[in-house]
Amino acid sequence: MGIEARVSSKGQTTIPAEVRERLGLQTGDRIAFIEMEQGFLIIPRNRPVETLFGALAEYALPNTTIGDYDDAVGEGISEHVEGSVKEGGSGA
């Protein structure tokens, strides 16, 4: 199954060192969890969107640009944050 980690009673987990190294994660970096049919994709938020190009090729729409995807991600994050605030969350 790959590398596993345990979730604490507080809902926290430690990303295993091998995974942190392969993702290039450092202390304080942010990560995004993108839900997909097969599970979740973990994306370091400390990289430009260009590094994602091709990772989701099977979901690509014809004639879309990196800018189109960047805009869509920004809109999705905005909607998510606005929804969290409406539901009483902090929005962060």
N, C-alpha and C. Protein backbone atom coordinates (compact mmCIF):
# COMPACT_ATOMS: atom_id res chain seq x y z
N MET A 1 0.83 -1.20 0.00
CA MET A 1 0.00 0.00 0.00
C MET A 1 0.87 1.26 0.00
N GLY A 2 2.12 1.17 0.33
CA GLY A 2 2.96 2.35 0.33
C GLY A 2 3.32 2.76 1.74
N ILE A 3 3.53 4.03 1.93
CA ILE A 3 3.93 4.59 3.22
C ILE A 3 2.68 4.97 4.00
N GLU A 4 2.66 4.64 5.26
CA GLU A 4 1.51 4.94 6.11
C GLU A 4 1.90 5.84 7.27
N ALA A 5 0.91 6.51 7.82
CA ALA A 5 1.08 7.33 9.02
C ALA A 5 -0.17 7.16 9.87
N ARG A 6 -0.05 7.44 11.13
CA ARG A 6 -1.16 7.30 12.07
C ARG A 6 -1.75 8.68 12.37
N VAL A 7 -3.05 8.75 12.55
CA VAL A 7 -3.74 9.99 12.90
C VAL A 7 -3.96 10.00 14.41
N SER A 8 -3.59 11.11 15.05
CA SER A 8 -3.75 11.23 16.50
C SER A 8 -5.19 11.52 16.86
N SER A 9 -5.48 11.50 18.15
CA SER A 9 -6.84 11.81 18.62
C SER A 9 -7.24 13.25 18.30
N LYS A 10 -6.25 14.11 18.04
CA LYS A 10 -6.52 15.51 17.67
C LYS A 10 -6.65 15.67 16.16
N GLY A 11 -6.58 14.56 15.39
CA GLY A 11 -6.69 14.63 13.94
C GLY A 11 -5.39 15.03 13.27
N GLN A 12 -4.29 14.95 13.99
CA GLN A 12 -3.00 15.34 13.45
C GLN A 12 -2.21 14.10 13.02
N THR A 13 -1.33 14.30 12.06
CA THR A 13 -0.44 13.23 11.64
C THR A 13 0.92 13.82 11.31
N THR A 14 1.92 13.00 11.33
CA THR A 14 3.26 13.40 10.92
C THR A 14 3.49 12.84 9.53
N ILE A 15 3.88 13.70 8.61
CA ILE A 15 4.19 13.23 7.27
C ILE A 15 5.55 12.54 7.37
N PRO A 16 5.62 11.27 6.98
CA PRO A 16 6.89 10.55 7.10
C PRO A 16 8.03 11.27 6.39
N ALA A 17 9.24 11.15 6.95
CA ALA A 17 10.42 11.86 6.43
C ALA A 17 10.63 11.59 4.95
N GLU A 18 10.48 10.34 4.52
CA GLU A 18 10.68 10.02 3.10
C GLU A 18 9.72 10.80 2.21
N VAL A 19 8.48 10.94 2.64
CA VAL A 19 7.48 11.68 1.86
C VAL A 19 7.83 13.16 1.85
N ARG A 20 8.19 13.72 3.02
CA ARG A 20 8.58 15.13 3.10
C ARG A 20 9.75 15.42 2.17
N GLU A 21 10.73 14.53 2.17
CA GLU A 21 11.89 14.72 1.31
C GLU A 21 11.51 14.69 -0.17
N ARG A 22 10.70 13.72 -0.55
CA ARG A 22 10.32 13.59 -1.97
C ARG A 22 9.45 14.75 -2.44
N LEU A 23 8.65 15.32 -1.51
CA LEU A 23 7.81 16.48 -1.86
C LEU A 23 8.57 17.80 -1.70
N GLY A 24 9.74 17.74 -1.11
CA GLY A 24 10.52 18.96 -0.88
C GLY A 24 9.92 19.85 0.19
N LEU A 25 9.23 19.25 1.15
CA LEU A 25 8.56 20.02 2.20
C LEU A 25 9.54 20.42 3.29
N GLN A 26 9.36 21.64 3.76
CA GLN A 26 10.15 22.19 4.86
C GLN A 26 9.20 22.64 5.96
N THR A 27 9.72 22.87 7.14
CA THR A 27 8.91 23.36 8.25
C THR A 27 8.19 24.63 7.84
N GLY A 28 6.90 24.68 8.09
CA GLY A 28 6.09 25.86 7.78
C GLY A 28 5.45 25.84 6.40
N ASP A 29 5.85 24.89 5.54
CA ASP A 29 5.23 24.80 4.21
C ASP A 29 3.76 24.41 4.35
N ARG A 30 2.99 24.83 3.38
CA ARG A 30 1.57 24.47 3.33
C ARG A 30 1.38 23.39 2.28
N ILE A 31 0.40 22.52 2.51
CA ILE A 31 0.06 21.49 1.53
C ILE A 31 -1.44 21.54 1.27
N ALA A 32 -1.82 21.12 0.09
CA ALA A 32 -3.24 21.05 -0.28
C ALA A 32 -3.60 19.58 -0.50
N PHE A 33 -4.80 19.22 -0.11
CA PHE A 33 -5.33 17.88 -0.33
C PHE A 33 -6.41 18.00 -1.40
N ILE A 34 -6.17 17.39 -2.55
CA ILE A 34 -7.12 17.47 -3.65
C ILE A 34 -7.81 16.12 -3.77
N GLU A 35 -9.15 16.13 -3.61
CA GLU A 35 -9.90 14.88 -3.67
C GLU A 35 -10.03 14.41 -5.11
N MET A 36 -9.73 13.15 -5.31
CA MET A 36 -9.84 12.53 -6.62
C MET A 36 -10.62 11.22 -6.46
N GLU A 37 -10.99 10.63 -7.55
CA GLU A 37 -11.76 9.39 -7.50
C GLU A 37 -11.04 8.30 -6.70
N GLN A 38 -9.74 8.21 -6.86
CA GLN A 38 -8.95 7.15 -6.22
C GLN A 38 -8.55 7.47 -4.79
N GLY A 39 -8.74 8.67 -4.34
CA GLY A 39 -8.32 9.08 -3.00
C GLY A 39 -7.97 10.56 -3.00
N PHE A 40 -6.88 10.91 -2.35
CA PHE A 40 -6.46 12.31 -2.27
C PHE A 40 -5.07 12.47 -2.85
N LEU A 41 -4.86 13.59 -3.51
CA LEU A 41 -3.57 13.98 -4.03
C LEU A 41 -3.03 15.05 -3.09
N ILE A 42 -1.81 14.89 -2.61
CA ILE A 42 -1.20 15.87 -1.72
C ILE A 42 -0.27 16.74 -2.55
N ILE A 43 -0.53 18.05 -2.54
CA ILE A 43 0.24 18.99 -3.34
C ILE A 43 0.92 20.01 -2.43
N PRO A 44 2.23 20.12 -2.49
CA PRO A 44 2.90 21.18 -1.74
C PRO A 44 2.47 22.54 -2.31
N ARG A 45 2.13 23.47 -1.45
CA ARG A 45 1.69 24.79 -1.90
C ARG A 45 2.87 25.74 -2.05
N ASN A 46 4.09 25.23 -1.89
CA ASN A 46 5.27 26.07 -2.01
C ASN A 46 5.86 26.00 -3.41
N ARG A 47 5.10 25.49 -4.37
CA ARG A 47 5.57 25.36 -5.75
C ARG A 47 4.62 26.08 -6.70
N PRO A 48 5.15 26.55 -7.82
CA PRO A 48 4.28 27.19 -8.80
C PRO A 48 3.36 26.17 -9.46
N VAL A 49 2.23 26.64 -9.94
CA VAL A 49 1.24 25.76 -10.55
C VAL A 49 1.80 24.99 -11.75
N GLU A 50 2.82 25.54 -12.41
CA GLU A 50 3.40 24.87 -13.57
C GLU A 50 3.92 23.48 -13.24
N THR A 51 4.32 23.25 -11.98
CA THR A 51 4.85 21.94 -11.61
C THR A 51 3.76 20.87 -11.61
N LEU A 52 2.51 21.29 -11.59
CA LEU A 52 1.40 20.34 -11.60
C LEU A 52 0.98 19.95 -13.01
N PHE A 53 1.44 20.69 -13.99
CA PHE A 53 0.97 20.47 -15.35
C PHE A 53 1.25 19.04 -15.78
N GLY A 54 0.22 18.35 -16.21
CA GLY A 54 0.34 16.97 -16.65
C GLY A 54 -0.05 15.97 -15.57
N ALA A 55 -0.02 16.36 -14.30
CA ALA A 55 -0.33 15.43 -13.22
C ALA A 55 -1.79 14.96 -13.27
N LEU A 56 -2.65 15.80 -13.79
CA LEU A 56 -4.07 15.47 -13.88
C LEU A 56 -4.52 15.41 -15.34
N ALA A 57 -3.62 14.97 -16.22
CA ALA A 57 -3.87 15.00 -17.67
C ALA A 57 -5.17 14.31 -18.06
N GLU A 58 -5.52 13.23 -17.39
CA GLU A 58 -6.74 12.51 -17.77
C GLU A 58 -8.02 13.32 -17.53
N TYR A 59 -7.91 14.37 -16.72
CA TYR A 59 -9.06 15.23 -16.43
C TYR A 59 -9.04 16.52 -17.25
N ALA A 60 -8.03 16.68 -18.09
CA ALA A 60 -7.83 17.93 -18.83
C ALA A 60 -8.95 18.18 -19.83
N LEU A 61 -9.27 19.43 -20.00
CA LEU A 61 -10.23 19.86 -21.02
C LEU A 61 -9.44 20.37 -22.22
N PRO A 62 -9.88 20.05 -23.43
CA PRO A 62 -9.16 20.51 -24.62
C PRO A 62 -9.00 22.03 -24.65
N ASN A 63 -7.85 22.47 -25.12
CA ASN A 63 -7.55 23.89 -25.33
C ASN A 63 -7.53 24.74 -24.06
N THR A 64 -7.23 24.12 -22.92
CA THR A 64 -7.10 24.91 -21.69
C THR A 64 -5.62 25.21 -21.47
N THR A 65 -5.37 26.32 -20.81
CA THR A 65 -3.99 26.75 -20.54
C THR A 65 -3.70 26.63 -19.06
N ILE A 66 -2.44 26.75 -18.71
CA ILE A 66 -2.05 26.76 -17.30
C ILE A 66 -2.77 27.91 -16.59
N GLY A 67 -2.89 29.04 -17.26
CA GLY A 67 -3.61 30.18 -16.67
C GLY A 67 -5.06 29.85 -16.36
N ASP A 68 -5.70 29.09 -17.25
CA ASP A 68 -7.08 28.68 -17.00
C ASP A 68 -7.18 27.85 -15.73
N TYR A 69 -6.25 26.89 -15.60
CA TYR A 69 -6.26 26.04 -14.41
C TYR A 69 -5.92 26.84 -13.15
N ASP A 70 -4.97 27.75 -13.26
CA ASP A 70 -4.59 28.58 -12.13
C ASP A 70 -5.78 29.41 -11.66
N ASP A 71 -6.51 29.98 -12.62
CA ASP A 71 -7.71 30.76 -12.28
C ASP A 71 -8.77 29.88 -11.60
N ALA A 72 -8.96 28.68 -12.15
CA ALA A 72 -9.97 27.78 -11.59
C ALA A 72 -9.62 27.37 -10.16
N VAL A 73 -8.34 27.10 -9.90
CA VAL A 73 -7.91 26.74 -8.55
C VAL A 73 -8.15 27.92 -7.61
N GLY A 74 -7.79 29.12 -8.05
CA GLY A 74 -8.01 30.31 -7.22
C GLY A 74 -9.48 30.51 -6.89
N GLU A 75 -10.34 30.30 -7.89
CA GLU A 75 -11.78 30.44 -7.66
C GLU A 75 -12.28 29.37 -6.69
N GLY A 76 -11.78 28.14 -6.85
CA GLY A 76 -12.19 27.06 -5.96
C GLY A 76 -11.78 27.32 -4.53
N ILE A 77 -10.56 27.82 -4.34
CA ILE A 77 -10.09 28.13 -2.99
C ILE A 77 -10.93 29.26 -2.40
N SER A 78 -11.24 30.27 -3.20
CA SER A 78 -12.07 31.38 -2.71
C SER A 78 -13.44 30.88 -2.27
N GLU A 79 -14.04 30.02 -3.09
CA GLU A 79 -15.36 29.48 -2.74
C GLU A 79 -15.28 28.64 -1.47
N HIS A 80 -14.20 27.87 -1.34
CA HIS A 80 -14.03 27.05 -0.14
C HIS A 80 -13.89 27.92 1.11
N VAL A 81 -13.06 28.96 1.01
CA VAL A 81 -12.84 29.84 2.15
C VAL A 81 -14.13 30.58 2.50
N GLU A 82 -14.83 31.08 1.48
CA GLU A 82 -16.09 31.78 1.75
C GLU A 82 -17.10 30.83 2.40
N GLY A 83 -17.15 29.58 1.95
CA GLY A 83 -18.04 28.59 2.53
C GLY A 83 -17.69 28.30 3.97
N SER A 84 -16.39 28.23 4.28
CA SER A 84 -15.94 27.97 5.65
C SER A 84 -16.34 29.10 6.56
N VAL A 85 -16.22 30.34 6.08
CA VAL A 85 -16.59 31.50 6.90
C VAL A 85 -18.09 31.49 7.16
N LYS A 86 -18.88 31.18 6.12
CA LYS A 86 -20.34 31.13 6.28
C LYS A 86 -20.76 30.06 7.28
N GLU A 87 -19.99 28.94 7.32
CA GLU A 87 -20.32 27.84 8.22
C GLU A 87 -19.78 28.06 9.63
N GLY A 88 -19.13 29.19 9.85
CA GLY A 88 -18.63 29.51 11.18
C GLY A 88 -17.16 29.20 11.38
N GLY A 89 -16.48 28.78 10.30
CA GLY A 89 -15.04 28.50 10.40
C GLY A 89 -14.24 29.77 10.31
N SER A 90 -12.95 29.64 10.44
CA SER A 90 -12.07 30.80 10.40
C SER A 90 -11.75 31.22 8.98
N GLY A 91 -11.96 30.30 8.00
CA GLY A 91 -11.63 30.62 6.62
C GLY A 91 -10.17 30.41 6.30
N ALA A 92 -9.39 29.88 7.25
CA ALA A 92 -7.96 29.63 6.99
C ALA A 92 -7.66 28.17 7.05
